[in-house]
Amino acid sequence: MSIVNRLVNSTQRRALKGIVNRLPKFSLKNLIRITYLAELMTKNQDDKEIIRYMRGAFQKNHPTVQLARDVMGRLSPNCRERLVNNLMLNNLVIGNSLRENDLYEQEGFIPPSLLVISPTMRCNLKCYGCYAGEYAQDFGLAFELIDQVISEAKELGIYFITFSGGEVFTRKDIWGIYEKHRDVYFQLYTNGTLIDREAAGRLGELGNVAPMISTEGMEKRTDERRGPGAFKKIMYAMDYLAEAGVLFGASCTETRDNINEICSDEFVDMLVAKKAMVLWYFQYIPIGRTPAMELMPTPKQRDEFRRRVRQLRNRAPIFIGDFWNDGYFVGGCIAGGRQYVHINANGDVEPCVFCHFAVDNIKEKSLREALRSDFFLAIQSRQPYSDNLLRPCMLVDCPWVLEELVREHGARPTHPGAESIITELREPLRKYAEEYARYADAAWEKEYVAKGLVRGYAGVES
């Protein structure tokens, strides 16, 4: 890192520490001031536009103002400090500078800003349709290898790590990873059934771990998929996390059956009342345990869901991410090393958690080498796969892209049956993509092109 960058980063660190000290003393005026400082701290134009969008929302007293109050007032001091220092400063400011300046100048590539790791595929539940359900359950990444990969990630300016799986809380040794890498911000996807008051208190003391708890909607639907009593355990886990001042959220897989329930006012208001601050929506993809096209939301449902999420964002104080309908915000697909990759429990380096093909294994190559594979570079060269960013995914929106890339680069399926998405399901997925394109293309022209909201690779919705 250059001397100039070190000086800049030192100044930014002092400025952000000053922000942290003022966070409990919330005022809308100071919140807007913080957005100006954040905009100065990042060179990434997409990030700058998102910050400007957030500032506009604050100025209009959007529900995000209440969310900001909640983040500042509800989190434990450790959780609040680690959120700002690790995620905002280390990953977004210092990390961005390292990735986009030093590494690009020295090595000619920009590493992603996020790394997803599945330490284990072992799970205490047997949910139908689980994307990870066909991976072998009896292996996992060694503690030393996880430690090594995260250390390599930090050298590349990556300080945001998501743990998936499998159920991460079945790995008791993972606590040592959180403690050793206190400068990293960890997000966990978990079924929540193993989070008791003791675990929540420990997370509150660490401060650098944010659990995202999977739920299928309200009690009946959740228990149908996850087993009797699962919903009540989730509710207790949320109470424990809120009590400990931990930032947490929910994760929902939208299917044809539950799609209306998980975007209902009743469901979202329940999460807000439980003090969840994040809600991730993931469209069901026919992979993993017994893949079924009939579980996918219909093209019409998906289009209506996208519009419904916009309404929810304007009424509820909770951050909502919608995969794959948010392609516009991030310039299309973010996989294949553009913004993230997935390392599964066998060490295979996959383009994303839903794309179960790989050419490299982290046990054989460094993270730096794996990120620069011809397979990933080819994926990035094709992104975005469509001029319409409402059709961002190479699995369900442009499935011919995945088929071509796998064939051209000899990518292997990472578990038995993974290849079905480009073999048995090839024609059904192409038909789905064609049907959804009719909705998405009409929406793109009317809601984006006609309003002049198309700004090349990315943009921000008004």
Protein backbone atom coordinates (compact mmCIF):
# COMPACT_ATOMS: atom_id res chain seq x y z
CA MET A 1 0.00 0.00 0.00
CA SER A 2 1.35 3.41 -0.97
CA ILE A 3 2.30 6.06 1.62
CA VAL A 4 -0.48 8.31 0.31
CA ASN A 5 -3.06 5.57 0.73
CA ARG A 6 -1.80 4.84 4.25
CA LEU A 7 -2.22 8.50 5.20
CA VAL A 8 -5.69 8.64 3.67
CA ASN A 9 -6.74 5.45 5.44
CA SER A 10 -5.39 6.73 8.76
CA THR A 11 -7.45 9.91 8.39
CA GLN A 12 -10.54 7.90 7.45
CA ARG A 13 -10.08 5.57 10.41
CA ARG A 14 -9.92 8.52 12.83
CA ALA A 15 -13.00 10.09 11.22
CA LEU A 16 -15.02 6.88 11.47
CA LYS A 17 -13.97 6.31 15.07
CA GLY A 18 -15.35 9.74 15.79
CA ILE A 19 -18.61 8.65 14.18
CA VAL A 20 -18.74 5.52 16.31
CA ASN A 21 -18.42 7.59 19.48
CA ARG A 22 -21.36 9.75 18.40
CA LEU A 23 -23.63 6.95 17.19
CA PRO A 24 -25.73 6.59 20.37
CA LYS A 25 -26.52 10.33 20.20
CA PHE A 26 -28.70 10.01 17.10
CA SER A 27 -29.89 13.00 15.11
CA LEU A 28 -31.15 13.09 11.55
CA LYS A 29 -28.86 16.04 10.85
CA ASN A 30 -25.77 14.06 11.89
CA LEU A 31 -26.96 11.02 9.94
CA ILE A 32 -27.11 13.08 6.74
CA ARG A 33 -23.63 14.47 7.52
CA ILE A 34 -22.32 10.91 7.79
CA THR A 35 -23.51 10.16 4.24
CA TYR A 36 -21.43 13.06 2.91
CA LEU A 37 -18.37 11.71 4.74
CA ALA A 38 -19.05 8.18 3.47
CA GLU A 39 -19.33 9.48 -0.10
CA LEU A 40 -15.94 11.17 0.19
CA MET A 41 -14.39 7.98 1.54
CA THR A 42 -15.27 5.74 -1.40
CA LYS A 43 -14.03 5.99 -4.97
CA ASN A 44 -16.47 3.39 -6.30
CA GLN A 45 -19.09 5.19 -8.38
CA ASP A 46 -21.78 2.56 -7.77
CA ASP A 47 -21.24 2.91 -4.01
CA LYS A 48 -21.38 6.70 -4.30
CA GLU A 49 -24.75 6.52 -6.07
CA ILE A 50 -26.17 4.21 -3.42
CA ILE A 51 -24.95 6.59 -0.69
CA ARG A 52 -26.62 9.51 -2.48
CA TYR A 53 -29.81 7.48 -2.73
CA MET A 54 -29.67 6.77 1.01
CA ARG A 55 -29.08 10.46 1.77
CA GLY A 56 -32.15 11.37 -0.30
CA ALA A 57 -34.17 8.79 1.61
CA PHE A 58 -33.00 10.24 4.94
CA GLN A 59 -33.90 13.74 3.81
CA LYS A 60 -37.43 12.52 3.00
CA ASN A 61 -37.74 10.80 6.41
CA HIS A 62 -37.97 7.39 4.72
CA PRO A 63 -38.34 4.29 6.99
CA THR A 64 -34.56 3.84 6.65
CA VAL A 65 -34.27 6.70 9.14
CA GLN A 66 -35.94 4.54 11.78
CA LEU A 67 -33.72 1.63 10.77
CA ALA A 68 -30.66 3.84 11.29
CA ARG A 69 -32.01 4.81 14.72
CA ASP A 70 -32.43 1.12 15.55
CA VAL A 71 -28.88 0.26 14.45
CA MET A 72 -27.45 3.09 16.47
CA GLY A 73 -29.59 2.65 19.57
CA ARG A 74 -30.26 -1.08 19.90
CA LEU A 75 -26.92 -2.71 19.18
CA SER A 76 -24.49 -3.49 21.96
CA PRO A 77 -21.40 -1.22 21.97
CA ASN A 78 -19.25 -4.06 20.58
CA CYS A 79 -21.73 -4.87 17.81
CA ARG A 80 -22.07 -1.22 16.85
CA GLU A 81 -18.32 -0.65 16.81
CA ARG A 82 -17.54 -3.79 14.79
CA LEU A 83 -20.24 -2.97 12.25
CA VAL A 84 -18.66 0.40 11.56
CA ASN A 85 -14.97 -0.56 11.92
CA ASN A 86 -15.08 -3.94 10.18
CA LEU A 87 -17.78 -3.60 7.54
CA MET A 88 -17.71 0.11 6.76
CA LEU A 89 -14.07 0.98 7.35
CA ASN A 90 -12.07 -2.21 6.77
CA ASN A 91 -14.14 -3.65 3.93
CA LEU A 92 -15.77 -0.71 2.18
CA VAL A 93 -13.17 2.02 2.66
CA ILE A 94 -9.72 0.50 3.22
CA GLY A 95 -10.60 -2.73 1.43
CA ASN A 96 -12.05 -0.95 -1.60
CA SER A 97 -8.93 1.20 -1.84
CA LEU A 98 -6.67 -1.86 -1.72
CA ARG A 99 -8.77 -3.85 -4.20
CA GLU A 100 -9.46 -1.10 -6.71
CA ASN A 101 -6.19 0.83 -6.53
CA ASP A 102 -3.15 -1.08 -5.29
CA LEU A 103 -4.08 -4.60 -6.44
CA TYR A 104 -5.46 -3.40 -9.74
CA GLU A 105 -2.32 -1.37 -10.43
CA GLN A 106 0.06 -4.11 -9.28
CA GLU A 107 -1.68 -7.25 -10.52
CA GLY A 108 -4.32 -6.12 -13.01
CA PHE A 109 -7.37 -7.55 -11.25
CA ILE A 110 -9.93 -6.42 -8.69
CA PRO A 111 -10.82 -9.02 -6.03
CA PRO A 112 -14.45 -9.31 -4.88
CA SER A 113 -15.71 -7.53 -1.78
CA LEU A 114 -17.38 -10.62 -0.28
CA LEU A 115 -16.39 -14.23 0.27
CA VAL A 116 -18.95 -16.94 1.08
CA ILE A 117 -17.65 -20.06 2.84
CA SER A 118 -19.56 -23.19 3.85
CA PRO A 119 -17.48 -24.66 6.70
CA THR A 120 -19.75 -27.73 6.84
CA MET A 121 -22.72 -29.21 5.02
CA ARG A 122 -23.83 -31.02 8.19
CA CYS A 123 -27.22 -29.86 9.43
CA ASN A 124 -29.59 -30.76 12.24
CA LEU A 125 -32.62 -30.32 9.93
CA LYS A 126 -33.73 -32.02 6.69
CA CYS A 127 -35.63 -29.33 4.81
CA TYR A 128 -37.05 -30.28 1.42
CA GLY A 129 -35.70 -28.25 -1.48
CA CYS A 130 -32.53 -27.26 0.41
CA TYR A 131 -29.97 -25.93 -2.09
CA ALA A 132 -27.18 -27.67 -0.12
CA GLY A 133 -29.07 -30.90 0.46
CA GLU A 134 -27.16 -33.07 -2.04
CA TYR A 135 -23.65 -32.27 -0.78
CA ALA A 136 -22.10 -35.01 1.34
CA GLN A 137 -22.79 -34.35 5.03
CA ASP A 138 -19.78 -36.09 6.54
CA PHE A 139 -16.98 -33.66 5.72
CA GLY A 140 -16.05 -30.04 6.25
CA LEU A 141 -13.23 -27.56 5.92
CA ALA A 142 -10.49 -27.87 8.53
CA PHE A 143 -10.18 -25.00 10.99
CA GLU A 144 -6.64 -24.32 9.73
CA LEU A 145 -7.84 -24.07 6.12
CA ILE A 146 -10.68 -21.67 6.99
CA ASP A 147 -8.18 -19.56 8.93
CA GLN A 148 -5.77 -19.59 5.99
CA VAL A 149 -8.44 -18.60 3.45
CA ILE A 150 -9.67 -15.70 5.59
CA SER A 151 -6.08 -14.50 6.08
CA GLU A 152 -5.59 -14.62 2.30
CA ALA A 153 -8.87 -12.76 1.83
CA LYS A 154 -7.70 -9.93 4.09
CA GLU A 155 -4.53 -9.61 2.03
CA LEU A 156 -6.88 -8.98 -0.91
CA GLY A 157 -8.88 -6.35 0.96
CA ILE A 158 -11.82 -8.66 1.77
CA TYR A 159 -13.10 -8.15 5.32
CA PHE A 160 -16.70 -9.30 4.80
CA ILE A 161 -17.16 -13.08 5.12
CA THR A 162 -20.46 -14.93 4.94
CA PHE A 163 -20.75 -18.43 6.40
CA SER A 164 -23.36 -20.68 4.84
CA GLY A 165 -23.83 -24.42 4.80
CA GLY A 166 -25.00 -26.69 6.29
CA GLU A 167 -25.69 -25.38 9.75
CA VAL A 168 -22.69 -23.40 10.92
CA PHE A 169 -23.60 -23.71 14.62
CA THR A 170 -22.89 -27.44 14.43
CA ARG A 171 -19.19 -26.45 14.25
CA LYS A 172 -18.20 -25.56 17.81
CA ASP A 173 -14.66 -24.67 16.73
CA ILE A 174 -15.88 -21.85 14.45
CA TRP A 175 -16.09 -19.55 17.46
CA GLY A 176 -12.30 -19.53 17.37
CA ILE A 177 -12.43 -18.08 13.84
CA TYR A 178 -14.63 -15.18 14.93
CA GLU A 179 -12.31 -14.47 17.85
CA LYS A 180 -9.09 -14.73 15.85
CA HIS A 181 -10.34 -12.49 13.03
CA ARG A 182 -11.87 -9.69 15.08
CA ASP A 183 -11.23 -7.25 12.20
CA VAL A 184 -13.58 -9.19 9.87
CA TYR A 185 -17.37 -8.85 9.74
CA PHE A 186 -19.12 -12.22 9.56
CA GLN A 187 -22.64 -12.83 8.33
CA LEU A 188 -24.12 -16.29 9.07
CA TYR A 189 -26.99 -18.05 7.35
CA THR A 190 -28.46 -20.32 10.02
CA ASN A 191 -31.67 -22.17 10.80
CA GLY A 192 -31.53 -20.53 14.24
CA THR A 193 -32.55 -23.61 16.20
CA LEU A 194 -29.16 -23.87 17.95
CA ILE A 195 -29.03 -20.24 19.13
CA ASP A 196 -29.78 -20.15 22.83
CA ARG A 197 -29.34 -17.29 25.31
CA GLU A 198 -25.72 -18.25 25.98
CA ALA A 199 -24.81 -18.26 22.28
CA ALA A 200 -26.58 -14.94 21.73
CA GLY A 201 -24.72 -13.37 24.65
CA ARG A 202 -21.43 -14.58 23.24
CA LEU A 203 -22.27 -13.03 19.86
CA GLY A 204 -23.09 -9.75 21.58
CA GLU A 205 -19.68 -9.73 23.24
CA LEU A 206 -17.84 -10.55 20.00
CA GLY A 207 -19.70 -7.93 18.00
CA ASN A 208 -18.50 -9.06 14.57
CA VAL A 209 -21.10 -11.73 13.78
CA ALA A 210 -24.58 -11.12 12.32
CA PRO A 211 -26.88 -14.19 12.07
CA MET A 212 -29.53 -14.36 9.31
CA ILE A 213 -32.18 -16.87 10.38
CA SER A 214 -34.00 -18.92 7.74
CA THR A 215 -37.79 -18.96 7.91
CA GLU A 216 -40.52 -19.90 5.44
CA GLY A 217 -43.13 -17.44 6.67
CA MET A 218 -45.30 -17.82 9.73
CA GLU A 219 -45.50 -20.87 12.00
CA LYS A 220 -47.49 -23.30 9.83
CA ARG A 221 -45.33 -22.95 6.71
CA THR A 222 -42.07 -22.88 8.62
CA ASP A 223 -42.85 -26.03 10.55
CA GLU A 224 -44.06 -27.79 7.40
CA ARG A 225 -40.63 -27.43 5.82
CA ARG A 226 -38.31 -27.34 8.82
CA GLY A 227 -40.06 -29.64 11.26
CA PRO A 228 -42.51 -29.27 14.19
CA GLY A 229 -41.46 -26.63 16.70
CA ALA A 230 -38.91 -24.96 14.39
CA PHE A 231 -40.79 -21.65 14.28
CA LYS A 232 -41.00 -21.36 18.07
CA LYS A 233 -37.24 -22.02 18.33
CA ILE A 234 -36.62 -19.28 15.77
CA MET A 235 -38.76 -16.82 17.72
CA TYR A 236 -36.83 -17.58 20.92
CA ALA A 237 -33.51 -17.16 19.05
CA MET A 238 -34.57 -13.72 17.79
CA ASP A 239 -35.54 -12.68 21.31
CA TYR A 240 -32.17 -13.79 22.68
CA LEU A 241 -30.29 -11.94 19.92
CA ALA A 242 -32.27 -8.73 20.43
CA GLU A 243 -31.70 -8.96 24.18
CA ALA A 244 -27.93 -9.25 23.57
CA GLY A 245 -27.86 -6.27 21.17
CA VAL A 246 -26.83 -8.38 18.16
CA LEU A 247 -27.55 -7.27 14.60
CA PHE A 248 -29.60 -10.08 13.06
CA GLY A 249 -32.08 -10.69 10.30
CA ALA A 250 -34.16 -13.25 8.46
CA SER A 251 -33.65 -15.19 5.25
CA CYS A 252 -36.56 -16.49 3.17
CA THR A 253 -36.63 -18.82 0.19
CA GLU A 254 -39.54 -17.72 -1.96
CA THR A 255 -41.48 -20.58 -3.54
CA ARG A 256 -44.70 -20.77 -5.50
CA ASP A 257 -46.52 -21.66 -2.26
CA ASN A 258 -45.16 -19.18 0.30
CA ILE A 259 -44.37 -16.14 -1.86
CA ASN A 260 -47.44 -14.14 -0.80
CA GLU A 261 -47.00 -14.89 2.88
CA ILE A 262 -43.35 -13.87 3.16
CA CYS A 263 -44.02 -10.45 1.64
CA SER A 264 -47.19 -9.80 3.62
CA ASP A 265 -47.47 -6.89 6.04
CA GLU A 266 -48.16 -9.40 8.82
CA PHE A 267 -44.89 -11.29 8.26
CA VAL A 268 -42.65 -8.25 7.81
CA ASP A 269 -44.23 -6.43 10.76
CA MET A 270 -43.60 -9.53 12.89
CA LEU A 271 -39.89 -9.41 12.00
CA VAL A 272 -39.70 -5.69 12.77
CA ALA A 273 -41.42 -6.30 16.11
CA LYS A 274 -38.82 -9.00 16.84
CA LYS A 275 -36.15 -6.32 16.15
CA ALA A 276 -34.75 -7.93 13.02
CA MET A 277 -32.89 -5.36 10.92
CA VAL A 278 -32.30 -7.30 7.70
CA LEU A 279 -34.51 -9.42 5.44
CA TRP A 280 -33.01 -11.43 2.57
CA TYR A 281 -35.24 -12.95 -0.10
CA PHE A 282 -33.84 -15.76 -2.27
CA GLN A 283 -35.86 -17.16 -5.14
CA TYR A 284 -36.04 -20.95 -5.09
CA ILE A 285 -33.66 -22.47 -7.67
CA PRO A 286 -34.18 -26.13 -8.71
CA ILE A 287 -30.94 -27.51 -7.30
CA GLY A 288 -29.91 -29.49 -4.23
CA ARG A 289 -32.27 -31.92 -2.52
CA THR A 290 -34.93 -33.18 -5.00
CA PRO A 291 -34.94 -30.18 -7.38
CA ALA A 292 -38.48 -29.33 -8.48
CA MET A 293 -39.51 -26.80 -11.13
CA GLU A 294 -42.98 -26.64 -9.56
CA LEU A 295 -41.50 -25.00 -6.44
CA MET A 296 -40.25 -22.02 -8.46
CA PRO A 297 -42.42 -18.89 -8.28
CA THR A 298 -44.24 -18.41 -11.57
CA PRO A 299 -42.94 -15.60 -13.81
CA LYS A 300 -46.05 -13.57 -12.93
CA GLN A 301 -45.50 -14.15 -9.20
CA ARG A 302 -41.87 -13.07 -9.48
CA ASP A 303 -42.82 -9.85 -11.27
CA GLU A 304 -45.49 -9.05 -8.70
CA PHE A 305 -43.06 -9.87 -5.87
CA ARG A 306 -40.53 -7.36 -7.23
CA ARG A 307 -43.15 -4.62 -7.11
CA ARG A 308 -44.33 -5.70 -3.67
CA VAL A 309 -40.79 -5.49 -2.26
CA ARG A 310 -40.63 -1.88 -3.42
CA GLN A 311 -43.77 -1.15 -1.37
CA LEU A 312 -42.31 -2.88 1.68
CA ARG A 313 -39.13 -0.81 1.47
CA ASN A 314 -41.22 2.33 1.59
CA ARG A 315 -43.16 1.30 4.71
CA ALA A 316 -41.00 -0.93 6.92
CA PRO A 317 -37.80 0.00 8.84
CA ILE A 318 -35.84 -3.07 7.75
CA PHE A 319 -33.14 -3.53 5.10
CA ILE A 320 -34.50 -5.79 2.31
CA GLY A 321 -32.40 -7.59 -0.30
CA ASP A 322 -34.21 -9.38 -3.13
CA PHE A 323 -32.31 -12.02 -5.12
CA TRP A 324 -32.67 -12.01 -8.10
CA ASN A 325 -34.91 -9.02 -8.63
CA ASP A 326 -32.33 -6.52 -7.37
CA GLY A 327 -30.04 -6.97 -10.37
CA TYR A 328 -30.56 -3.32 -11.27
CA PHE A 329 -28.97 -2.11 -8.03
CA VAL A 330 -25.77 -4.14 -8.49
CA GLY A 331 -25.33 -4.15 -12.25
CA GLY A 332 -26.54 -7.70 -12.87
CA CYS A 333 -24.94 -10.94 -11.67
CA ILE A 334 -22.32 -10.46 -8.93
CA ALA A 335 -20.99 -14.05 -8.99
CA GLY A 336 -17.84 -15.58 -10.44
CA GLY A 337 -15.53 -13.23 -8.56
CA ARG A 338 -17.08 -9.97 -9.70
CA GLN A 339 -18.34 -9.33 -6.18
CA TYR A 340 -18.23 -12.77 -4.58
CA VAL A 341 -17.51 -16.49 -4.86
CA HIS A 342 -18.48 -19.52 -2.78
CA ILE A 343 -16.11 -22.07 -1.24
CA ASN A 344 -18.05 -25.19 -0.34
CA ALA A 345 -17.29 -27.63 2.48
CA ASN A 346 -15.11 -29.73 0.18
CA GLY A 347 -13.01 -26.71 -0.81
CA ASP A 348 -14.47 -26.36 -4.32
CA VAL A 349 -14.52 -22.72 -5.45
CA GLU A 350 -17.91 -22.15 -7.05
CA PRO A 351 -19.21 -19.04 -8.86
CA CYS A 352 -22.01 -18.69 -6.30
CA VAL A 353 -23.79 -20.75 -3.66
CA PHE A 354 -26.44 -21.82 -6.18
CA CYS A 355 -24.07 -22.65 -9.05
CA HIS A 356 -22.59 -26.03 -8.18
CA PHE A 357 -19.75 -26.22 -10.69
CA ALA A 358 -16.03 -25.62 -10.16
CA VAL A 359 -12.63 -25.87 -11.82
CA ASP A 360 -10.48 -25.20 -8.73
CA ASN A 361 -10.25 -26.34 -5.13
CA ILE A 362 -8.92 -24.14 -2.34
CA LYS A 363 -6.91 -27.10 -0.99
CA GLU A 364 -4.85 -27.05 -4.17
CA LYS A 365 -4.67 -23.36 -5.09
CA SER A 366 -4.46 -20.08 -3.24
CA LEU A 367 -7.51 -17.83 -3.09
CA ARG A 368 -5.74 -15.35 -5.35
CA GLU A 369 -5.13 -18.04 -7.99
CA ALA A 370 -8.68 -19.37 -7.78
CA LEU A 371 -10.18 -15.91 -8.22
CA ARG A 372 -8.15 -15.42 -11.41
CA SER A 373 -9.19 -18.69 -13.04
CA ASP A 374 -10.15 -18.64 -16.70
CA PHE A 375 -13.60 -19.88 -15.67
CA PHE A 376 -14.26 -16.88 -13.42
CA LEU A 377 -12.71 -14.41 -15.85
CA ALA A 378 -14.98 -15.78 -18.58
CA ILE A 379 -18.03 -15.34 -16.32
CA GLN A 380 -17.06 -11.74 -15.62
CA SER A 381 -16.53 -11.06 -19.34
CA ARG A 382 -20.15 -12.08 -19.99
CA GLN A 383 -21.65 -9.96 -17.19
CA PRO A 384 -24.24 -8.60 -17.38
CA TYR A 385 -25.71 -11.47 -19.38
CA SER A 386 -28.56 -9.29 -20.62
CA ASP A 387 -29.10 -5.60 -21.28
CA ASN A 388 -32.12 -5.98 -19.00
CA LEU A 389 -30.80 -6.02 -15.43
CA LEU A 390 -34.10 -7.43 -14.20
CA ARG A 391 -32.89 -10.69 -15.79
CA PRO A 392 -29.50 -11.04 -14.06
CA CYS A 393 -29.08 -14.76 -13.32
CA MET A 394 -27.28 -17.31 -15.51
CA LEU A 395 -29.16 -20.16 -13.84
CA VAL A 396 -32.78 -19.11 -14.37
CA ASP A 397 -32.79 -15.96 -16.53
CA CYS A 398 -30.07 -16.75 -19.08
CA PRO A 399 -29.46 -20.51 -18.56
CA TRP A 400 -27.71 -20.92 -21.91
CA VAL A 401 -24.86 -18.80 -20.52
CA LEU A 402 -24.15 -21.30 -17.72
CA GLU A 403 -24.34 -24.21 -20.15
CA GLU A 404 -21.82 -22.59 -22.50
CA LEU A 405 -19.40 -21.61 -19.72
CA VAL A 406 -19.42 -25.06 -18.13
CA ARG A 407 -18.77 -26.71 -21.47
CA GLU A 408 -16.07 -24.28 -22.60
CA HIS A 409 -14.08 -24.46 -19.35
CA GLY A 410 -14.65 -28.06 -18.34
CA ALA A 411 -16.23 -27.08 -15.02
CA ARG A 412 -17.21 -30.17 -13.02
CA PRO A 413 -20.35 -30.65 -10.91
CA THR A 414 -19.47 -30.41 -7.23
CA HIS A 415 -21.93 -33.05 -6.03
CA PRO A 416 -23.91 -35.89 -7.60
CA GLY A 417 -26.81 -34.54 -9.62
CA ALA A 418 -25.57 -30.94 -9.81
CA GLU A 419 -25.38 -31.25 -13.60
CA SER A 420 -29.18 -31.72 -13.83
CA ILE A 421 -29.63 -27.96 -14.08
CA ILE A 422 -28.03 -28.08 -17.56
CA THR A 423 -29.25 -31.56 -18.56
CA GLU A 424 -32.71 -32.77 -17.41
CA LEU A 425 -33.84 -29.27 -16.47
CA ARG A 426 -32.32 -27.58 -19.51
CA GLU A 427 -35.53 -27.20 -21.52
CA PRO A 428 -37.87 -26.37 -18.59
CA LEU A 429 -35.49 -23.63 -17.43
CA ARG A 430 -35.20 -22.17 -20.92
CA LYS A 431 -38.98 -22.09 -21.16
CA TYR A 432 -39.17 -20.40 -17.74
CA ALA A 433 -36.59 -17.80 -18.82
CA GLU A 434 -38.57 -17.03 -21.99
CA GLU A 435 -41.82 -16.64 -20.07
CA TYR A 436 -40.27 -14.41 -17.41
CA ALA A 437 -38.57 -12.31 -20.09
CA ARG A 438 -41.96 -11.16 -21.31
CA TYR A 439 -42.74 -9.66 -17.90
CA ALA A 440 -39.23 -8.39 -17.21
CA ASP A 441 -38.70 -6.79 -20.62
CA ALA A 442 -41.98 -4.90 -20.42
CA ALA A 443 -41.13 -3.70 -16.90
CA TRP A 444 -37.59 -2.72 -17.95
CA GLU A 445 -38.84 -0.54 -20.80
CA LYS A 446 -41.63 1.10 -18.80
CA GLU A 447 -40.02 1.50 -15.37
CA TYR A 448 -36.39 2.08 -16.29
CA VAL A 449 -35.65 2.92 -19.94
CA ALA A 450 -38.61 5.29 -20.29
CA LYS A 451 -37.57 7.10 -17.10
CA GLY A 452 -33.92 7.38 -18.09
CA LEU A 453 -32.83 5.19 -15.19
CA VAL A 454 -30.50 3.02 -17.27
CA ARG A 455 -26.96 4.13 -16.46
CA GLY A 456 -24.73 1.53 -18.00
CA TYR A 457 -23.64 -1.17 -15.59
CA ALA A 458 -25.58 -0.14 -12.51
CA GLY A 459 -27.91 2.44 -11.08
CA VAL A 460 -30.18 3.39 -8.20
CA GLU A 461 -33.93 3.21 -8.25
CA SER A 462 -35.95 6.27 -7.33
